[in-house]
Amino acid sequence: MEPKKYASYAEIERDLEILKLEKEINYQKLVLSFQRTKEGITPQKIVNGFFSSYKDYFSNNYPKILQSILPHIISWLFNKKRGN
């Protein structure tokens, strides 16, 4: 990459101003990204995200889960009534 050749100080000033504005834009993008990330890492959103990811899994497999757990619950209730 060749260094840019300038014909006047005005061209240099213009490029410096452009670079300064680009730097400010990138800084503001970084600040905005940080704020959005900070807002997204609240405990409530983390928990909601965790449950929403497993919600589909459990809703699709609910009958299978119920069939496997129900006999254990029934036997526990019978044993509880007998005093075992």
PDB file of N, CA and C in Angstrom:
ATOM      1  N   MET A   1       0.840  -1.177   0.000  1.00  0.00           N
ATOM      2  CA  MET A   1       0.000   0.000   0.000  1.00  0.00           C
ATOM      3  C   MET A   1       0.884   1.239   0.000  1.00  0.00           C
ATOM      4  N   GLU A   2       0.688   2.032  -0.982  1.00  0.00           N
ATOM      5  CA  GLU A   2       1.482   3.258  -1.107  1.00  0.00           C
ATOM      6  C   GLU A   2       0.924   4.362  -0.226  1.00  0.00           C
ATOM      7  N   PRO A   3       1.792   5.176   0.328  1.00  0.00           N
ATOM      8  CA  PRO A   3       1.298   6.322   1.089  1.00  0.00           C
ATOM      9  C   PRO A   3       0.600   7.310   0.155  1.00  0.00           C
ATOM     10  N   LYS A   4      -0.461   7.899   0.660  1.00  0.00           N
ATOM     11  CA  LYS A   4      -1.230   8.838  -0.138  1.00  0.00           C
ATOM     12  C   LYS A   4      -0.460  10.154  -0.244  1.00  0.00           C
ATOM     13  N   LYS A   5      -0.463  10.728  -1.430  1.00  0.00           N
ATOM     14  CA  LYS A   5       0.213  12.016  -1.646  1.00  0.00           C
ATOM     15  C   LYS A   5      -0.829  13.116  -1.691  1.00  0.00           C
ATOM     16  N   TYR A   6      -0.577  14.128  -0.919  1.00  0.00           N
ATOM     17  CA  TYR A   6      -1.500  15.255  -0.811  1.00  0.00           C
ATOM     18  C   TYR A   6      -0.939  16.452  -1.563  1.00  0.00           C
ATOM     19  N   ALA A   7      -1.855  17.217  -2.157  1.00  0.00           N
ATOM     20  CA  ALA A   7      -1.456  18.415  -2.891  1.00  0.00           C
ATOM     21  C   ALA A   7      -1.549  19.666  -2.016  1.00  0.00           C
ATOM     22  N   SER A   8      -2.359  19.566  -0.933  1.00  0.00           N
ATOM     23  CA  SER A   8      -2.500  20.747  -0.075  1.00  0.00           C
ATOM     24  C   SER A   8      -2.825  20.323   1.350  1.00  0.00           C
ATOM     25  N   TYR A   9      -2.692  21.294   2.251  1.00  0.00           N
ATOM     26  CA  TYR A   9      -3.035  21.041   3.640  1.00  0.00           C
ATOM     27  C   TYR A   9      -4.544  20.836   3.807  1.00  0.00           C
ATOM     28  N   ALA A  10      -5.323  21.403   2.938  1.00  0.00           N
ATOM     29  CA  ALA A  10      -6.773  21.255   3.011  1.00  0.00           C
ATOM     30  C   ALA A  10      -7.178  19.790   2.812  1.00  0.00           C
ATOM     31  N   GLU A  11      -6.501  19.103   1.904  1.00  0.00           N
ATOM     32  CA  GLU A  11      -6.784  17.678   1.678  1.00  0.00           C
ATOM     33  C   GLU A  11      -6.435  16.860   2.922  1.00  0.00           C
ATOM     34  N   ILE A  12      -5.320  17.204   3.540  1.00  0.00           N
ATOM     35  CA  ILE A  12      -4.905  16.501   4.764  1.00  0.00           C
ATOM     36  C   ILE A  12      -5.932  16.733   5.866  1.00  0.00           C
ATOM     37  N   GLU A  13      -6.350  17.980   6.027  1.00  0.00           N
ATOM     38  CA  GLU A  13      -7.341  18.311   7.049  1.00  0.00           C
ATOM     39  C   GLU A  13      -8.666  17.585   6.790  1.00  0.00           C
ATOM     40  N   ARG A  14      -9.070  17.512   5.524  1.00  0.00           N
ATOM     41  CA  ARG A  14     -10.324  16.842   5.170  1.00  0.00           C
ATOM     42  C   ARG A  14     -10.247  15.347   5.534  1.00  0.00           C
ATOM     43  N   ASP A  15      -9.140  14.694   5.189  1.00  0.00           N
ATOM     44  CA  ASP A  15      -8.973  13.275   5.514  1.00  0.00           C
ATOM     45  C   ASP A  15      -8.898  13.051   7.024  1.00  0.00           C
ATOM     46  N   LEU A  16      -8.235  13.966   7.736  1.00  0.00           N
ATOM     47  CA  LEU A  16      -8.188  13.848   9.189  1.00  0.00           C
ATOM     48  C   LEU A  16      -9.577  13.993   9.806  1.00  0.00           C
ATOM     49  N   GLU A  17     -10.379  14.895   9.264  1.00  0.00           N
ATOM     50  CA  GLU A  17     -11.749  15.088   9.749  1.00  0.00           C
ATOM     51  C   GLU A  17     -12.592  13.839   9.469  1.00  0.00           C
ATOM     52  N   ILE A  18     -12.426  13.248   8.300  1.00  0.00           N
ATOM     53  CA  ILE A  18     -13.147  12.013   7.952  1.00  0.00           C
ATOM     54  C   ILE A  18     -12.752  10.894   8.915  1.00  0.00           C
ATOM     55  N   LEU A  19     -11.459  10.751   9.165  1.00  0.00           N
ATOM     56  CA  LEU A  19     -10.989   9.725  10.087  1.00  0.00           C
ATOM     57  C   LEU A  19     -11.513   9.949  11.513  1.00  0.00           C
ATOM     58  N   LYS A  20     -11.560  11.214  11.899  1.00  0.00           N
ATOM     59  CA  LYS A  20     -12.069  11.544  13.225  1.00  0.00           C
ATOM     60  C   LYS A  20     -13.547  11.164  13.333  1.00  0.00           C
ATOM     61  N   LEU A  21     -14.332  11.464  12.300  1.00  0.00           N
ATOM     62  CA  LEU A  21     -15.751  11.124  12.308  1.00  0.00           C
ATOM     63  C   LEU A  21     -15.966   9.608  12.273  1.00  0.00           C
ATOM     64  N   GLU A  22     -15.160   8.907  11.479  1.00  0.00           N
ATOM     65  CA  GLU A  22     -15.255   7.446  11.434  1.00  0.00           C
ATOM     66  C   GLU A  22     -14.922   6.842  12.803  1.00  0.00           C
ATOM     67  N   LYS A  23     -13.934   7.409  13.459  1.00  0.00           N
ATOM     68  CA  LYS A  23     -13.560   6.934  14.791  1.00  0.00           C
ATOM     69  C   LYS A  23     -14.716   7.148  15.769  1.00  0.00           C
ATOM     70  N   GLU A  24     -15.362   8.299  15.721  1.00  0.00           N
ATOM     71  CA  GLU A  24     -16.484   8.611  16.610  1.00  0.00           C
ATOM     72  C   GLU A  24     -17.670   7.683  16.316  1.00  0.00           C
ATOM     73  N   ILE A  25     -17.947   7.426  15.056  1.00  0.00           N
ATOM     74  CA  ILE A  25     -19.038   6.519  14.681  1.00  0.00           C
ATOM     75  C   ILE A  25     -18.765   5.117  15.219  1.00  0.00           C
ATOM     76  N   ASN A  26     -17.552   4.640  15.029  1.00  0.00           N
ATOM     77  CA  ASN A  26     -17.202   3.302  15.520  1.00  0.00           C
ATOM     78  C   ASN A  26     -17.270   3.224  17.040  1.00  0.00           C
ATOM     79  N   TYR A  27     -16.883   4.291  17.707  1.00  0.00           N
ATOM     80  CA  TYR A  27     -16.958   4.332  19.164  1.00  0.00           C
ATOM     81  C   TYR A  27     -18.414   4.265  19.627  1.00  0.00           C
ATOM     82  N   GLN A  28     -19.288   5.036  18.969  1.00  0.00           N
ATOM     83  CA  GLN A  28     -20.705   5.031  19.336  1.00  0.00           C
ATOM     84  C   GLN A  28     -21.343   3.665  19.056  1.00  0.00           C
ATOM     85  N   LYS A  29     -20.930   3.007  17.974  1.00  0.00           N
ATOM     86  CA  LYS A  29     -21.419   1.653  17.692  1.00  0.00           C
ATOM     87  C   LYS A  29     -20.992   0.693  18.796  1.00  0.00           C
ATOM     88  N   LEU A  30     -19.765   0.838  19.260  1.00  0.00           N
ATOM     89  CA  LEU A  30     -19.255   0.000  20.338  1.00  0.00           C
ATOM     90  C   LEU A  30     -20.034   0.237  21.629  1.00  0.00           C
ATOM     91  N   VAL A  31     -20.293   1.497  21.953  1.00  0.00           N
ATOM     92  CA  VAL A  31     -21.051   1.832  23.162  1.00  0.00           C
ATOM     93  C   VAL A  31     -22.458   1.256  23.069  1.00  0.00           C
ATOM     94  N   LEU A  32     -23.104   1.393  21.920  1.00  0.00           N
ATOM     95  CA  LEU A  32     -24.453   0.872  21.736  1.00  0.00           C
ATOM     96  C   LEU A  32     -24.460  -0.651  21.848  1.00  0.00           C
ATOM     97  N   SER A  33     -23.490  -1.290  21.253  1.00  0.00           N
ATOM     98  CA  SER A  33     -23.390  -2.746  21.334  1.00  0.00           C
ATOM     99  C   SER A  33     -23.198  -3.192  22.779  1.00  0.00           C
ATOM    100  N   PHE A  34     -22.379  -2.485  23.510  1.00  0.00           N
ATOM    101  CA  PHE A  34     -22.150  -2.807  24.927  1.00  0.00           C
ATOM    102  C   PHE A  34     -23.436  -2.647  25.728  1.00  0.00           C
ATOM    103  N   GLN A  35     -24.186  -1.572  25.482  1.00  0.00           N
ATOM    104  CA  GLN A  35     -25.436  -1.349  26.208  1.00  0.00           C
ATOM    105  C   GLN A  35     -26.446  -2.446  25.906  1.00  0.00           C
ATOM    106  N   ARG A  36     -26.546  -2.839  24.637  1.00  0.00           N
ATOM    107  CA  ARG A  36     -27.482  -3.910  24.269  1.00  0.00           C
ATOM    108  C   ARG A  36     -27.072  -5.225  24.915  1.00  0.00           C
ATOM    109  N   THR A  37     -25.790  -5.502  24.950  1.00  0.00           N
ATOM    110  CA  THR A  37     -25.309  -6.724  25.584  1.00  0.00           C
ATOM    111  C   THR A  37     -25.597  -6.687  27.074  1.00  0.00           C
ATOM    112  N   LYS A  38     -25.360  -5.553  27.685  1.00  0.00           N
ATOM    113  CA  LYS A  38     -25.613  -5.388  29.118  1.00  0.00           C
ATOM    114  C   LYS A  38     -27.095  -5.589  29.428  1.00  0.00           C
ATOM    115  N   GLU A  39     -27.975  -5.068  28.577  1.00  0.00           N
ATOM    116  CA  GLU A  39     -29.414  -5.237  28.782  1.00  0.00           C
ATOM    117  C   GLU A  39     -29.826  -6.691  28.571  1.00  0.00           C
ATOM    118  N   GLY A  40     -29.124  -7.401  27.701  1.00  0.00           N
ATOM    119  CA  GLY A  40     -29.466  -8.783  27.408  1.00  0.00           C
ATOM    120  C   GLY A  40     -28.976  -9.777  28.436  1.00  0.00           C
ATOM    121  N   ILE A  41     -28.150  -9.342  29.372  1.00  0.00           N
ATOM    122  CA  ILE A  41     -27.577 -10.259  30.353  1.00  0.00           C
ATOM    123  C   ILE A  41     -28.219 -10.053  31.728  1.00  0.00           C
ATOM    124  N   THR A  42     -29.472  -9.677  31.761  1.00  0.00           N
ATOM    125  CA  THR A  42     -30.155  -9.589  33.046  1.00  0.00           C
ATOM    126  C   THR A  42     -30.546 -10.994  33.482  1.00  0.00           C
ATOM    127  N   PRO A  43     -30.620 -11.242  34.777  1.00  0.00           N
ATOM    128  CA  PRO A  43     -30.988 -12.583  35.247  1.00  0.00           C
ATOM    129  C   PRO A  43     -32.325 -13.072  34.680  1.00  0.00           C
ATOM    130  N   GLN A  44     -33.291 -12.164  34.570  1.00  0.00           N
ATOM    131  CA  GLN A  44     -34.598 -12.556  34.052  1.00  0.00           C
ATOM    132  C   GLN A  44     -34.501 -13.023  32.604  1.00  0.00           C
ATOM    133  N   LYS A  45     -33.742 -12.333  31.792  1.00  0.00           N
ATOM    134  CA  LYS A  45     -33.611 -12.726  30.387  1.00  0.00           C
ATOM    135  C   LYS A  45     -32.816 -14.020  30.239  1.00  0.00           C
ATOM    136  N   ILE A  46     -31.845 -14.237  31.103  1.00  0.00           N
ATOM    137  CA  ILE A  46     -31.079 -15.487  31.052  1.00  0.00           C
ATOM    138  C   ILE A  46     -31.993 -16.658  31.391  1.00  0.00           C
ATOM    139  N   VAL A  47     -32.797 -16.505  32.452  1.00  0.00           N
ATOM    140  CA  VAL A  47     -33.712 -17.579  32.852  1.00  0.00           C
ATOM    141  C   VAL A  47     -34.754 -17.811  31.768  1.00  0.00           C
ATOM    142  N   ASN A  48     -35.321 -16.732  31.226  1.00  0.00           N
ATOM    143  CA  ASN A  48     -36.306 -16.879  30.154  1.00  0.00           C
ATOM    144  C   ASN A  48     -35.698 -17.580  28.951  1.00  0.00           C
ATOM    145  N   GLY A  49     -34.485 -17.233  28.614  1.00  0.00           N
ATOM    146  CA  GLY A  49     -33.815 -17.884  27.491  1.00  0.00           C
ATOM    147  C   GLY A  49     -33.571 -19.356  27.747  1.00  0.00           C
ATOM    148  N   PHE A  50     -33.214 -19.684  28.978  1.00  0.00           N
ATOM    149  CA  PHE A  50     -32.983 -21.079  29.349  1.00  0.00           C
ATOM    150  C   PHE A  50     -34.267 -21.879  29.222  1.00  0.00           C
ATOM    151  N   PHE A  51     -35.359 -21.353  29.779  1.00  0.00           N
ATOM    152  CA  PHE A  51     -36.618 -22.082  29.744  1.00  0.00           C
ATOM    153  C   PHE A  51     -37.209 -22.141  28.344  1.00  0.00           C
ATOM    154  N   SER A  52     -37.043 -21.096  27.564  1.00  0.00           N
ATOM    155  CA  SER A  52     -37.602 -21.128  26.211  1.00  0.00           C
ATOM    156  C   SER A  52     -36.884 -22.151  25.342  1.00  0.00           C
ATOM    157  N   SER A  53     -35.603 -22.376  25.597  1.00  0.00           N
ATOM    158  CA  SER A  53     -34.879 -23.358  24.801  1.00  0.00           C
ATOM    159  C   SER A  53     -35.325 -24.777  25.131  1.00  0.00           C
ATOM    160  N   TYR A  54     -35.727 -25.030  26.364  1.00  0.00           N
ATOM    161  CA  TYR A  54     -36.186 -26.358  26.755  1.00  0.00           C
ATOM    162  C   TYR A  54     -37.697 -26.524  26.658  1.00  0.00           C
ATOM    163  N   LYS A  55     -38.412 -25.424  26.453  1.00  0.00           N
ATOM    164  CA  LYS A  55     -39.867 -25.472  26.379  1.00  0.00           C
ATOM    165  C   LYS A  55     -40.324 -26.369  25.228  1.00  0.00           C
ATOM    166  N   ASP A  56     -39.731 -26.192  24.065  1.00  0.00           N
ATOM    167  CA  ASP A  56     -40.111 -27.011  22.917  1.00  0.00           C
ATOM    168  C   ASP A  56     -39.800 -28.474  23.166  1.00  0.00           C
ATOM    169  N   TYR A  57     -38.668 -28.750  23.773  1.00  0.00           N
ATOM    170  CA  TYR A  57     -38.273 -30.131  24.038  1.00  0.00           C
ATOM    171  C   TYR A  57     -39.287 -30.808  24.956  1.00  0.00           C
ATOM    172  N   PHE A  58     -39.641 -30.153  26.054  1.00  0.00           N
ATOM    173  CA  PHE A  58     -40.562 -30.751  27.001  1.00  0.00           C
ATOM    174  C   PHE A  58     -41.988 -30.802  26.460  1.00  0.00           C
ATOM    175  N   SER A  59     -42.394 -29.812  25.678  1.00  0.00           N
ATOM    176  CA  SER A  59     -43.757 -29.842  25.146  1.00  0.00           C
ATOM    177  C   SER A  59     -43.912 -30.973  24.134  1.00  0.00           C
ATOM    178  N   ASN A  60     -42.879 -31.296  23.397  1.00  0.00           N
ATOM    179  CA  ASN A  60     -42.957 -32.386  22.433  1.00  0.00           C
ATOM    180  C   ASN A  60     -42.855 -33.745  23.110  1.00  0.00           C
ATOM    181  N   ASN A  61     -42.166 -33.832  24.234  1.00  0.00           N
ATOM    182  CA  ASN A  61     -41.948 -35.101  24.921  1.00  0.00           C
ATOM    183  C   ASN A  61     -42.767 -35.241  26.197  1.00  0.00           C
ATOM    184  N   TYR A  62     -43.734 -34.383  26.397  1.00  0.00           N
ATOM    185  CA  TYR A  62     -44.527 -34.397  27.622  1.00  0.00           C
ATOM    186  C   TYR A  62     -45.213 -35.741  27.859  1.00  0.00           C
ATOM    187  N   PRO A  63     -45.875 -36.341  26.871  1.00  0.00           N
ATOM    188  CA  PRO A  63     -46.508 -37.650  27.123  1.00  0.00           C
ATOM    189  C   PRO A  63     -45.505 -38.730  27.545  1.00  0.00           C
ATOM    190  N   LYS A  64     -44.339 -38.755  26.944  1.00  0.00           N
ATOM    191  CA  LYS A  64     -43.325 -39.744  27.305  1.00  0.00           C
ATOM    192  C   LYS A  64     -42.842 -39.532  28.735  1.00  0.00           C
ATOM    193  N   ILE A  65     -42.626 -38.284  29.110  1.00  0.00           N
ATOM    194  CA  ILE A  65     -42.178 -37.969  30.467  1.00  0.00           C
ATOM    195  C   ILE A  65     -43.247 -38.364  31.476  1.00  0.00           C
ATOM    196  N   LEU A  66     -44.484 -38.032  31.162  1.00  0.00           N
ATOM    197  CA  LEU A  66     -45.592 -38.356  32.060  1.00  0.00           C
ATOM    198  C   LEU A  66     -45.739 -39.864  32.223  1.00  0.00           C
ATOM    199  N   GLN A  67     -45.614 -40.614  31.140  1.00  0.00           N
ATOM    200  CA  GLN A  67     -45.736 -42.072  31.206  1.00  0.00           C
ATOM    201  C   GLN A  67     -44.619 -42.693  32.037  1.00  0.00           C
ATOM    202  N   SER A  68     -43.445 -42.110  32.017  1.00  0.00           N
ATOM    203  CA  SER A  68     -42.340 -42.691  32.784  1.00  0.00           C
ATOM    204  C   SER A  68     -42.379 -42.292  34.251  1.00  0.00           C
ATOM    205  N   ILE A  69     -42.932 -41.137  34.574  1.00  0.00           N
ATOM    206  CA  ILE A  69     -42.948 -40.656  35.957  1.00  0.00           C
ATOM    207  C   ILE A  69     -44.209 -41.085  36.703  1.00  0.00           C
ATOM    208  N   LEU A  70     -45.324 -41.187  36.019  1.00  0.00           N
ATOM    209  CA  LEU A  70     -46.607 -41.470  36.659  1.00  0.00           C
ATOM    210  C   LEU A  70     -46.597 -42.765  37.477  1.00  0.00           C
ATOM    211  N   PRO A  71     -46.062 -43.882  36.997  1.00  0.00           N
ATOM    212  CA  PRO A  71     -46.044 -45.095  37.846  1.00  0.00           C
ATOM    213  C   PRO A  71     -45.264 -44.906  39.148  1.00  0.00           C
ATOM    214  N   HIS A  72     -44.200 -44.155  39.110  1.00  0.00           N
ATOM    215  CA  HIS A  72     -43.411 -43.905  40.326  1.00  0.00           C
ATOM    216  C   HIS A  72     -44.194 -43.057  41.330  1.00  0.00           C
ATOM    217  N   ILE A  73     -44.925 -42.092  40.833  1.00  0.00           N
ATOM    218  CA  ILE A  73     -45.731 -41.238  41.714  1.00  0.00           C
ATOM    219  C   ILE A  73     -46.848 -42.061  42.355  1.00  0.00           C
ATOM    220  N   ILE A  74     -47.516 -42.896  41.557  1.00  0.00           N
ATOM    221  CA  ILE A  74     -48.606 -43.714  42.089  1.00  0.00           C
ATOM    222  C   ILE A  74     -48.086 -44.681  43.151  1.00  0.00           C
ATOM    223  N   SER A  75     -46.969 -45.361  42.871  1.00  0.00           N
ATOM    224  CA  SER A  75     -46.422 -46.294  43.861  1.00  0.00           C
ATOM    225  C   SER A  75     -45.972 -45.549  45.120  1.00  0.00           C
ATOM    226  N   TRP A  76     -45.456 -44.351  44.980  1.00  0.00           N
ATOM    227  CA  TRP A  76     -45.056 -43.553  46.150  1.00  0.00           C
ATOM    228  C   TRP A  76     -46.276 -43.207  47.004  1.00  0.00           C
ATOM    229  N   LEU A  77     -47.386 -42.830  46.337  1.00  0.00           N
ATOM    230  CA  LEU A  77     -48.594 -42.505  47.071  1.00  0.00           C
ATOM    231  C   LEU A  77     -49.150 -43.716  47.819  1.00  0.00           C
ATOM    232  N   PHE A  78     -49.157 -44.910  47.179  1.00  0.00           N
ATOM    233  CA  PHE A  78     -49.623 -46.118  47.850  1.00  0.00           C
ATOM    234  C   PHE A  78     -48.745 -46.469  49.038  1.00  0.00           C
ATOM    235  N   ASN A  79     -47.447 -46.350  48.853  1.00  0.00           N
ATOM    236  CA  ASN A  79     -46.520 -46.654  49.956  1.00  0.00           C
ATOM    237  C   ASN A  79     -46.677 -45.655  51.093  1.00  0.00           C
ATOM    238  N   LYS A  80     -46.981 -44.417  50.775  1.00  0.00           N
ATOM    239  CA  LYS A  80     -47.167 -43.383  51.795  1.00  0.00           C
ATOM    240  C   LYS A  80     -48.419 -43.688  52.633  1.00  0.00           C
ATOM    241  N   LYS A  81     -49.498 -44.144  51.983  1.00  0.00           N
ATOM    242  CA  LYS A  81     -50.731 -44.474  52.704  1.00  0.00           C
ATOM    243  C   LYS A  81     -50.528 -45.688  53.616  1.00  0.00           C
ATOM    244  N   ARG A  82     -49.709 -46.629  53.169  1.00  0.00           N
ATOM    245  CA  ARG A  82     -49.452 -47.836  53.974  1.00  0.00           C
ATOM    246  C   ARG A  82     -48.498 -47.551  55.128  1.00  0.00           C
ATOM    247  N   GLY A  83     -47.766 -46.489  55.029  1.00  0.00           N
ATOM    248  CA  GLY A  83     -46.823 -46.146  56.084  1.00  0.00           C
ATOM    249  C   GLY A  83     -45.431 -46.716  55.849  1.00  0.00           C
ATOM    250  N   ASN A  84     -45.129 -47.148  54.666  1.00  0.00           N
ATOM    251  CA  ASN A  84     -43.809 -47.712  54.343  1.00  0.00           C
ATOM    252  C   ASN A  84     -42.831 -46.637  54.046  1.00  0.00           C
TER     253      ASN A  84
END
